[in-house]
């Protein structure tokens, strides 16, 4: 037999054993089984629940939670509620594409940010839970298409790796992007930056696509500072690779041709490590 709720009442068992009709219908007899489990009452246990009442009792009764298919609209409502909570200030779209075909007990569907799992080649899987009245829960999932609107820097034409980007190379647009909203929605400022990799026309530029322009270029003369304690010595060298401020640069001394490694401190300046 199936019960709907976290507790088994006398009225529930009366449907299978008429003797329980002698008890108040709402008398609490036992907790209902959690999730998809089954609770078994044997004859001796049923007799204990009917003190002072002599009746014909079955050998046993199996009790489970009433389970029904959750309609697709309920899954969509749960995802919409999660998106409203997670992205209160950013436009978003979310469409449930696939739901479980199982039956579930009555409960409340819940989804949170950690449950969204990117899936290569298919719609993302969003794992959640069905919270039951007794505070236990059942894992659930849906496949869902999620998009949020973000301000983006979009390339007007293709850019080769290592190219410095100017204001004429890109424009700013509002785009619908797959994925949840992120706290940092500020688009990168590509002007004056250098492309780390080749980028195609129409590509949305990401922070990881850019690097600062080198403070030292290969073949440039470099003022190299070396010292110990208060003593300081400056010598001339030639850079053997491009490097940004804070990066290492390989150098060749113009005095004796020796190889050195320095840390870039500014435009055409470095310090011996």
C-alpha atoms as a PDB file:
ATOM      1  CA  UNK A   1       0.000   0.000   0.000  1.00  0.00           C
ATOM      2  CA  UNK A   2       1.114   3.594  -0.612  1.00  0.00           C
ATOM      3  CA  UNK A   3       0.953   6.607   1.720  1.00  0.00           C
ATOM      4  CA  UNK A   4       1.406  10.247   0.845  1.00  0.00           C
ATOM      5  CA  UNK A   5       3.390  12.061   3.503  1.00  0.00           C
ATOM      6  CA  UNK A   6       6.138  11.657   6.049  1.00  0.00           C
ATOM      7  CA  UNK A   7       3.986   9.790   8.645  1.00  0.00           C
ATOM      8  CA  UNK A   8       1.786   6.702   8.571  1.00  0.00           C
ATOM      9  CA  UNK A   9      -1.649   7.426  10.077  1.00  0.00           C
ATOM     10  CA  UNK A  10      -4.361   5.062  11.294  1.00  0.00           C
ATOM     11  CA  UNK A  11      -6.515   6.010   8.309  1.00  0.00           C
ATOM     12  CA  UNK A  12      -3.738   4.802   5.975  1.00  0.00           C
ATOM     13  CA  UNK A  13      -3.649   1.294   7.484  1.00  0.00           C
ATOM     14  CA  UNK A  14      -7.464   1.162   7.801  1.00  0.00           C
ATOM     15  CA  UNK A  15      -7.615   0.969   4.001  1.00  0.00           C
ATOM     16  CA  UNK A  16      -5.934  -2.444   4.218  1.00  0.00           C
ATOM     17  CA  UNK A  17      -6.915  -3.569   7.737  1.00  0.00           C
ATOM     18  CA  UNK A  18     -10.437  -2.409   8.735  1.00  0.00           C
ATOM     19  CA  UNK A  19      -9.641  -2.835  12.461  1.00  0.00           C
ATOM     20  CA  UNK A  20      -7.521   0.332  12.309  1.00  0.00           C
ATOM     21  CA  UNK A  21     -10.762   2.217  11.622  1.00  0.00           C
ATOM     22  CA  UNK A  22     -11.416   2.002  15.366  1.00  0.00           C
ATOM     23  CA  UNK A  23      -8.539   4.413  15.977  1.00  0.00           C
ATOM     24  CA  UNK A  24      -8.681   8.172  15.363  1.00  0.00           C
ATOM     25  CA  UNK A  25      -7.981   8.614  11.628  1.00  0.00           C
ATOM     26  CA  UNK A  26      -5.090  11.021  12.185  1.00  0.00           C
ATOM     27  CA  UNK A  27      -3.389   8.927  14.897  1.00  0.00           C
ATOM     28  CA  UNK A  28       0.335   8.857  14.146  1.00  0.00           C
ATOM     29  CA  UNK A  29       1.534   5.247  14.035  1.00  0.00           C
ATOM     30  CA  UNK A  30       5.024   5.400  12.492  1.00  0.00           C
ATOM     31  CA  UNK A  31       7.246   7.330  10.109  1.00  0.00           C
ATOM     32  CA  UNK A  32       6.719   6.607   6.430  1.00  0.00           C
ATOM     33  CA  UNK A  33       9.649   4.967   4.623  1.00  0.00           C
ATOM     34  CA  UNK A  34      12.170   7.400   3.188  1.00  0.00           C
ATOM     35  CA  UNK A  35      12.406   7.945  -0.548  1.00  0.00           C
ATOM     36  CA  UNK A  36      11.816   4.774  -2.525  1.00  0.00           C
ATOM     37  CA  UNK A  37      12.236   2.386   0.444  1.00  0.00           C
ATOM     38  CA  UNK A  38       9.494   0.040   1.714  1.00  0.00           C
ATOM     39  CA  UNK A  39       8.423  -0.428   5.348  1.00  0.00           C
ATOM     40  CA  UNK A  40       7.070  -3.831   6.385  1.00  0.00           C
ATOM     41  CA  UNK A  41       4.671  -4.301   9.343  1.00  0.00           C
ATOM     42  CA  UNK A  42       4.438  -7.938  10.490  1.00  0.00           C
ATOM     43  CA  UNK A  43       1.361  -9.326  12.288  1.00  0.00           C
ATOM     44  CA  UNK A  44       2.957  -8.949  15.738  1.00  0.00           C
ATOM     45  CA  UNK A  45       3.776  -5.298  15.042  1.00  0.00           C
ATOM     46  CA  UNK A  46       0.236  -4.611  13.809  1.00  0.00           C
ATOM     47  CA  UNK A  47      -1.166  -6.135  17.017  1.00  0.00           C
ATOM     48  CA  UNK A  48       0.974  -3.765  19.126  1.00  0.00           C
ATOM     49  CA  UNK A  49      -0.470  -0.818  17.200  1.00  0.00           C
ATOM     50  CA  UNK A  50      -3.999  -2.019  18.126  1.00  0.00           C
ATOM     51  CA  UNK A  51      -3.899  -2.327  21.946  1.00  0.00           C
ATOM     52  CA  UNK A  52      -7.055  -3.913  23.359  1.00  0.00           C
ATOM     53  CA  UNK A  53      -8.514  -4.603  19.926  1.00  0.00           C
ATOM     54  CA  UNK A  54      -8.926  -8.229  18.789  1.00  0.00           C
ATOM     55  CA  UNK A  55      -9.076  -8.542  15.035  1.00  0.00           C
ATOM     56  CA  UNK A  56      -8.003 -10.671  12.120  1.00  0.00           C
ATOM     57  CA  UNK A  57      -4.636  -9.355  10.999  1.00  0.00           C
ATOM     58  CA  UNK A  58      -2.673 -10.175   7.854  1.00  0.00           C
ATOM     59  CA  UNK A  59       0.756 -11.736   8.102  1.00  0.00           C
ATOM     60  CA  UNK A  60       2.277  -8.479   6.981  1.00  0.00           C
ATOM     61  CA  UNK A  61       1.614  -5.147   5.270  1.00  0.00           C
ATOM     62  CA  UNK A  62       4.151  -3.421   3.000  1.00  0.00           C
ATOM     63  CA  UNK A  63       4.014   0.377   3.050  1.00  0.00           C
ATOM     64  CA  UNK A  64       5.748   2.658   0.569  1.00  0.00           C
ATOM     65  CA  UNK A  65       5.599   6.319  -0.312  1.00  0.00           C
ATOM     66  CA  UNK A  66       3.056   7.207  -2.961  1.00  0.00           C
ATOM     67  CA  UNK A  67       5.005   8.000  -6.126  1.00  0.00           C
ATOM     68  CA  UNK A  68       3.879   9.852  -9.231  1.00  0.00           C
ATOM     69  CA  UNK A  69       5.535  11.265 -12.319  1.00  0.00           C
ATOM     70  CA  UNK A  70       6.577  14.896 -11.802  1.00  0.00           C
ATOM     71  CA  UNK A  71       5.174  16.972 -14.704  1.00  0.00           C
ATOM     72  CA  UNK A  72       7.632  18.760 -16.957  1.00  0.00           C
ATOM     73  CA  UNK A  73       6.176  22.116 -15.908  1.00  0.00           C
ATOM     74  CA  UNK A  74       7.245  21.471 -12.311  1.00  0.00           C
ATOM     75  CA  UNK A  75      10.839  20.820 -13.395  1.00  0.00           C
ATOM     76  CA  UNK A  76      10.813  24.041 -15.432  1.00  0.00           C
ATOM     77  CA  UNK A  77       9.418  25.994 -12.476  1.00  0.00           C
ATOM     78  CA  UNK A  78      12.204  24.649 -10.232  1.00  0.00           C
ATOM     79  CA  UNK A  79      14.898  25.649 -12.734  1.00  0.00           C
ATOM     80  CA  UNK A  80      13.303  29.090 -13.166  1.00  0.00           C
ATOM     81  CA  UNK A  81      13.312  29.546  -9.378  1.00  0.00           C
ATOM     82  CA  UNK A  82      16.992  28.580  -9.211  1.00  0.00           C
ATOM     83  CA  UNK A  83      17.925  30.994 -12.011  1.00  0.00           C
ATOM     84  CA  UNK A  84      15.965  33.829 -10.391  1.00  0.00           C
ATOM     85  CA  UNK A  85      17.845  33.220  -7.158  1.00  0.00           C
ATOM     86  CA  UNK A  86      21.283  32.841  -8.759  1.00  0.00           C
ATOM     87  CA  UNK A  87      21.036  35.625 -11.362  1.00  0.00           C
ATOM     88  CA  UNK A  88      18.770  38.297  -9.856  1.00  0.00           C
ATOM     89  CA  UNK A  89      20.276  41.221 -11.783  1.00  0.00           C
ATOM     90  CA  UNK A  90      21.276  39.619 -15.096  1.00  0.00           C
ATOM     91  CA  UNK A  91      18.934  38.636 -17.973  1.00  0.00           C
ATOM     92  CA  UNK A  92      18.801  34.854 -18.411  1.00  0.00           C
ATOM     93  CA  UNK A  93      17.107  32.075 -20.389  1.00  0.00           C
ATOM     94  CA  UNK A  94      16.686  28.495 -19.189  1.00  0.00           C
ATOM     95  CA  UNK A  95      14.887  25.682 -20.994  1.00  0.00           C
ATOM     96  CA  UNK A  96      14.509  22.156 -19.621  1.00  0.00           C
ATOM     97  CA  UNK A  97      15.232  19.689 -22.440  1.00  0.00           C
ATOM     98  CA  UNK A  98      15.116  16.307 -20.673  1.00  0.00           C
ATOM     99  CA  UNK A  99      13.681  15.054 -17.365  1.00  0.00           C
ATOM    100  CA  UNK A 100      13.813  11.700 -15.509  1.00  0.00           C
ATOM    101  CA  UNK A 101      11.134   9.173 -16.458  1.00  0.00           C
ATOM    102  CA  UNK A 102      10.891   7.807 -12.885  1.00  0.00           C
ATOM    103  CA  UNK A 103       8.086   8.258 -10.379  1.00  0.00           C
ATOM    104  CA  UNK A 104       8.832  10.179  -7.181  1.00  0.00           C
ATOM    105  CA  UNK A 105       7.262  10.786  -3.747  1.00  0.00           C
ATOM    106  CA  UNK A 106       5.776  14.204  -3.018  1.00  0.00           C
ATOM    107  CA  UNK A 107       8.445  16.800  -2.347  1.00  0.00           C
ATOM    108  CA  UNK A 108      10.056  20.078  -3.381  1.00  0.00           C
ATOM    109  CA  UNK A 109      12.542  20.234  -6.255  1.00  0.00           C
ATOM    110  CA  UNK A 110      15.710  22.207  -5.543  1.00  0.00           C
ATOM    111  CA  UNK A 111      18.672  23.137  -7.769  1.00  0.00           C
ATOM    112  CA  UNK A 112      21.827  25.086  -6.874  1.00  0.00           C
ATOM    113  CA  UNK A 113      24.908  26.413  -8.676  1.00  0.00           C
ATOM    114  CA  UNK A 114      27.282  23.500  -7.831  1.00  0.00           C
ATOM    115  CA  UNK A 115      24.893  21.021  -9.464  1.00  0.00           C
ATOM    116  CA  UNK A 116      25.306  22.418 -13.003  1.00  0.00           C
ATOM    117  CA  UNK A 117      27.742  20.164 -14.867  1.00  0.00           C
ATOM    118  CA  UNK A 118      28.971  21.052 -18.354  1.00  0.00           C
ATOM    119  CA  UNK A 119      28.574  18.135 -20.787  1.00  0.00           C
ATOM    120  CA  UNK A 120      30.663  17.961 -23.939  1.00  0.00           C
ATOM    121  CA  UNK A 121      28.515  17.433 -27.002  1.00  0.00           C
ATOM    122  CA  UNK A 122      25.158  17.693 -25.220  1.00  0.00           C
ATOM    123  CA  UNK A 123      23.092  20.019 -23.065  1.00  0.00           C
ATOM    124  CA  UNK A 124      24.470  20.570 -19.549  1.00  0.00           C
ATOM    125  CA  UNK A 125      23.322  18.234 -16.788  1.00  0.00           C
ATOM    126  CA  UNK A 126      21.937  20.023 -13.740  1.00  0.00           C
ATOM    127  CA  UNK A 127      21.876  17.828 -10.643  1.00  0.00           C
ATOM    128  CA  UNK A 128      19.500  18.709  -7.844  1.00  0.00           C
ATOM    129  CA  UNK A 129      17.425  17.118  -5.128  1.00  0.00           C
ATOM    130  CA  UNK A 130      13.827  16.374  -4.253  1.00  0.00           C
ATOM    131  CA  UNK A 131      13.361  17.479  -0.630  1.00  0.00           C
ATOM    132  CA  UNK A 132      10.800  15.288   1.151  1.00  0.00           C
ATOM    133  CA  UNK A 133       8.603  16.396   4.086  1.00  0.00           C
ATOM    134  CA  UNK A 134      10.754  14.416   6.559  1.00  0.00           C
ATOM    135  CA  UNK A 135      13.802  16.485   5.437  1.00  0.00           C
ATOM    136  CA  UNK A 136      15.365  13.549   3.605  1.00  0.00           C
ATOM    137  CA  UNK A 137      16.096  14.002  -0.084  1.00  0.00           C
ATOM    138  CA  UNK A 138      16.368  12.086  -3.346  1.00  0.00           C
ATOM    139  CA  UNK A 139      18.940  12.997  -6.039  1.00  0.00           C
ATOM    140  CA  UNK A 140      17.369  14.221  -9.292  1.00  0.00           C
ATOM    141  CA  UNK A 141      18.627  15.707 -12.558  1.00  0.00           C
ATOM    142  CA  UNK A 142      17.557  17.493 -15.716  1.00  0.00           C
ATOM    143  CA  UNK A 143      19.253  18.424 -18.956  1.00  0.00           C
ATOM    144  CA  UNK A 144      18.868  22.126 -19.504  1.00  0.00           C
ATOM    145  CA  UNK A 145      19.946  24.873 -21.870  1.00  0.00           C
ATOM    146  CA  UNK A 146      21.066  27.898 -19.832  1.00  0.00           C
ATOM    147  CA  UNK A 147      22.089  31.282 -21.241  1.00  0.00           C
ATOM    148  CA  UNK A 148      22.841  34.641 -19.672  1.00  0.00           C
ATOM    149  CA  UNK A 149      23.258  38.045 -21.283  1.00  0.00           C
ATOM    150  CA  UNK A 150      26.709  39.585 -20.966  1.00  0.00           C
ATOM    151  CA  UNK A 151      28.531  42.621 -22.310  1.00  0.00           C
ATOM    152  CA  UNK A 152      31.298  41.373 -24.593  1.00  0.00           C
ATOM    153  CA  UNK A 153      34.143  42.675 -26.732  1.00  0.00           C
ATOM    154  CA  UNK A 154      33.649  41.225 -30.238  1.00  0.00           C
ATOM    155  CA  UNK A 155      36.340  41.229 -32.928  1.00  0.00           C
ATOM    156  CA  UNK A 156      35.573  43.028 -36.188  1.00  0.00           C
ATOM    157  CA  UNK A 157      38.079  40.857 -38.069  1.00  0.00           C
ATOM    158  CA  UNK A 158      40.538  38.022 -37.470  1.00  0.00           C
ATOM    159  CA  UNK A 159      43.582  38.726 -35.296  1.00  0.00           C
ATOM    160  CA  UNK A 160      46.856  36.798 -35.482  1.00  0.00           C
ATOM    161  CA  UNK A 161      48.620  35.604 -32.329  1.00  0.00           C
ATOM    162  CA  UNK A 162      50.976  38.249 -30.951  1.00  0.00           C
ATOM    163  CA  UNK A 163      49.119  41.139 -32.583  1.00  0.00           C
ATOM    164  CA  UNK A 164      48.530  44.330 -30.612  1.00  0.00           C
ATOM    165  CA  UNK A 165      44.814  45.162 -30.542  1.00  0.00           C
ATOM    166  CA  UNK A 166      43.536  48.673 -31.238  1.00  0.00           C
ATOM    167  CA  UNK A 167      40.135  50.283 -30.679  1.00  0.00           C
ATOM    168  CA  UNK A 168      39.277  49.739 -34.359  1.00  0.00           C
ATOM    169  CA  UNK A 169      39.698  45.975 -34.045  1.00  0.00           C
ATOM    170  CA  UNK A 170      36.654  45.323 -31.826  1.00  0.00           C
ATOM    171  CA  UNK A 171      33.245  46.544 -30.711  1.00  0.00           C
ATOM    172  CA  UNK A 172      31.199  46.009 -27.548  1.00  0.00           C
ATOM    173  CA  UNK A 173      27.877  44.126 -27.749  1.00  0.00           C
ATOM    174  CA  UNK A 174      25.364  42.448 -25.450  1.00  0.00           C
ATOM    175  CA  UNK A 175      25.474  38.717 -26.222  1.00  0.00           C
ATOM    176  CA  UNK A 176      23.618  35.628 -25.020  1.00  0.00           C
ATOM    177  CA  UNK A 177      26.277  33.269 -23.667  1.00  0.00           C
ATOM    178  CA  UNK A 178      25.881  29.654 -22.534  1.00  0.00           C
ATOM    179  CA  UNK A 179      26.300  29.138 -18.795  1.00  0.00           C
ATOM    180  CA  UNK A 180      25.284  30.656 -15.497  1.00  0.00           C
ATOM    181  CA  UNK A 181      25.823  34.296 -14.626  1.00  0.00           C
ATOM    182  CA  UNK A 182      29.237  35.146 -13.252  1.00  0.00           C
ATOM    183  CA  UNK A 183      30.090  37.792 -10.680  1.00  0.00           C
ATOM    184  CA  UNK A 184      32.578  39.527 -12.974  1.00  0.00           C
ATOM    185  CA  UNK A 185      30.514  40.583 -15.996  1.00  0.00           C
ATOM    186  CA  UNK A 186      32.912  43.354 -17.058  1.00  0.00           C
ATOM    187  CA  UNK A 187      34.229  42.596 -20.552  1.00  0.00           C
ATOM    188  CA  UNK A 188      38.001  42.780 -21.080  1.00  0.00           C
ATOM    189  CA  UNK A 189      39.494  46.006 -22.409  1.00  0.00           C
ATOM    190  CA  UNK A 190      41.481  44.723 -25.390  1.00  0.00           C
ATOM    191  CA  UNK A 191      42.845  48.086 -26.567  1.00  0.00           C
ATOM    192  CA  UNK A 192      46.619  48.112 -26.190  1.00  0.00           C
ATOM    193  CA  UNK A 193      46.729  44.423 -25.237  1.00  0.00           C
ATOM    194  CA  UNK A 194      48.275  41.614 -27.290  1.00  0.00           C
ATOM    195  CA  UNK A 195      46.444  38.492 -28.514  1.00  0.00           C
ATOM    196  CA  UNK A 196      47.811  35.324 -26.891  1.00  0.00           C
ATOM    197  CA  UNK A 197      46.425  33.185 -29.722  1.00  0.00           C
ATOM    198  CA  UNK A 198      44.871  33.585 -33.151  1.00  0.00           C
ATOM    199  CA  UNK A 199      41.293  34.863 -32.872  1.00  0.00           C
ATOM    200  CA  UNK A 200      38.616  34.700 -35.566  1.00  0.00           C
ATOM    201  CA  UNK A 201      36.316  37.483 -36.747  1.00  0.00           C
ATOM    202  CA  UNK A 202      33.199  37.727 -34.572  1.00  0.00           C
ATOM    203  CA  UNK A 203      34.875  35.990 -31.614  1.00  0.00           C
ATOM    204  CA  UNK A 204      34.001  37.215 -28.136  1.00  0.00           C
ATOM    205  CA  UNK A 205      37.308  38.166 -26.515  1.00  0.00           C
ATOM    206  CA  UNK A 206      37.955  36.575 -23.120  1.00  0.00           C
ATOM    207  CA  UNK A 207      40.397  37.779 -20.458  1.00  0.00           C
ATOM    208  CA  UNK A 208      42.506  34.670 -21.099  1.00  0.00           C
ATOM    209  CA  UNK A 209      42.907  35.632 -24.776  1.00  0.00           C
ATOM    210  CA  UNK A 210      44.949  38.706 -23.885  1.00  0.00           C
ATOM    211  CA  UNK A 211      48.307  39.589 -22.385  1.00  0.00           C
ATOM    212  CA  UNK A 212      50.058  42.827 -21.689  1.00  0.00           C
ATOM    213  CA  UNK A 213      52.407  44.065 -24.432  1.00  0.00           C
ATOM    214  CA  UNK A 214      56.055  43.179 -23.792  1.00  0.00           C
ATOM    215  CA  UNK A 215      58.106  45.747 -21.872  1.00  0.00           C
ATOM    216  CA  UNK A 216      61.144  44.265 -23.603  1.00  0.00           C
ATOM    217  CA  UNK A 217      61.273  42.933 -27.166  1.00  0.00           C
ATOM    218  CA  UNK A 218      63.732  40.411 -28.510  1.00  0.00           C
ATOM    219  CA  UNK A 219      66.843  42.157 -29.886  1.00  0.00           C
ATOM    220  CA  UNK A 220      66.253  45.361 -27.892  1.00  0.00           C
ATOM    221  CA  UNK A 221      69.026  46.860 -25.767  1.00  0.00           C
ATOM    222  CA  UNK A 222      68.342  46.451 -22.064  1.00  0.00           C
ATOM    223  CA  UNK A 223      69.712  48.321 -19.054  1.00  0.00           C
ATOM    224  CA  UNK A 224      70.588  45.529 -16.641  1.00  0.00           C
ATOM    225  CA  UNK A 225      70.993  46.274 -12.956  1.00  0.00           C
ATOM    226  CA  UNK A 226      73.032  44.043 -10.678  1.00  0.00           C
ATOM    227  CA  UNK A 227      74.263  44.588  -7.182  1.00  0.00           C
ATOM    228  CA  UNK A 228      75.052  43.317  -3.724  1.00  0.00           C
ATOM    229  CA  UNK A 229      73.994  45.237  -0.645  1.00  0.00           C
ATOM    230  CA  UNK A 230      74.192  48.984  -1.277  1.00  0.00           C
ATOM    231  CA  UNK A 231      76.424  48.593  -4.332  1.00  0.00           C
ATOM    232  CA  UNK A 232      74.737  48.823  -7.715  1.00  0.00           C
ATOM    233  CA  UNK A 233      76.122  48.148 -11.190  1.00  0.00           C
ATOM    234  CA  UNK A 234      74.391  48.871 -14.463  1.00  0.00           C
ATOM    235  CA  UNK A 235      75.489  47.197 -17.663  1.00  0.00           C
ATOM    236  CA  UNK A 236      74.144  46.955 -21.203  1.00  0.00           C
ATOM    237  CA  UNK A 237      72.698  43.741 -22.590  1.00  0.00           C
ATOM    238  CA  UNK A 238      70.530  42.553 -25.464  1.00  0.00           C
ATOM    239  CA  UNK A 239      67.228  40.732 -24.929  1.00  0.00           C
ATOM    240  CA  UNK A 240      66.898  37.268 -26.457  1.00  0.00           C
ATOM    241  CA  UNK A 241      63.130  36.983 -25.958  1.00  0.00           C
ATOM    242  CA  UNK A 242      60.027  39.134 -25.449  1.00  0.00           C
ATOM    243  CA  UNK A 243      58.994  39.589 -21.815  1.00  0.00           C
ATOM    244  CA  UNK A 244      56.420  41.511 -19.797  1.00  0.00           C
ATOM    245  CA  UNK A 245      57.048  43.326 -16.521  1.00  0.00           C
ATOM    246  CA  UNK A 246      57.637  40.716 -13.813  1.00  0.00           C
ATOM    247  CA  UNK A 247      58.648  37.983 -16.258  1.00  0.00           C
ATOM    248  CA  UNK A 248      62.094  36.535 -16.769  1.00  0.00           C
ATOM    249  CA  UNK A 249      64.119  37.616 -19.787  1.00  0.00           C
ATOM    250  CA  UNK A 250      67.196  35.937 -21.259  1.00  0.00           C
ATOM    251  CA  UNK A 251      69.997  38.410 -21.925  1.00  0.00           C
ATOM    252  CA  UNK A 252      73.375  38.559 -23.635  1.00  0.00           C
ATOM    253  CA  UNK A 253      75.934  40.958 -22.221  1.00  0.00           C
ATOM    254  CA  UNK A 254      77.271  43.467 -24.771  1.00  0.00           C
ATOM    255  CA  UNK A 255      80.489  43.666 -22.767  1.00  0.00           C
ATOM    256  CA  UNK A 256      81.711  40.059 -22.894  1.00  0.00           C
ATOM    257  CA  UNK A 257      78.843  38.113 -24.541  1.00  0.00           C
ATOM    258  CA  UNK A 258      77.998  36.164 -21.382  1.00  0.00           C
ATOM    259  CA  UNK A 259      74.468  34.782 -20.960  1.00  0.00           C
ATOM    260  CA  UNK A 260      72.352  36.200 -18.128  1.00  0.00           C
ATOM    261  CA  UNK A 261      68.793  35.932 -16.826  1.00  0.00           C
ATOM    262  CA  UNK A 262      66.995  38.969 -15.461  1.00  0.00           C
ATOM    263  CA  UNK A 263      63.575  39.955 -14.161  1.00  0.00           C
ATOM    264  CA  UNK A 264      61.876  42.714 -16.164  1.00  0.00           C
ATOM    265  CA  UNK A 265      61.277  45.840 -14.068  1.00  0.00           C
ATOM    266  CA  UNK A 266      60.123  48.274 -16.764  1.00  0.00           C
ATOM    267  CA  UNK A 267      60.519  49.347 -20.370  1.00  0.00           C
ATOM    268  CA  UNK A 268      63.918  47.999 -21.511  1.00  0.00           C
ATOM    269  CA  UNK A 269      64.990  47.539 -17.901  1.00  0.00           C
ATOM    270  CA  UNK A 270      65.749  44.370 -15.945  1.00  0.00           C
ATOM    271  CA  UNK A 271      67.414  43.241 -12.739  1.00  0.00           C
ATOM    272  CA  UNK A 272      69.723  40.244 -12.371  1.00  0.00           C
ATOM    273  CA  UNK A 273      68.054  37.483 -10.350  1.00  0.00           C
END
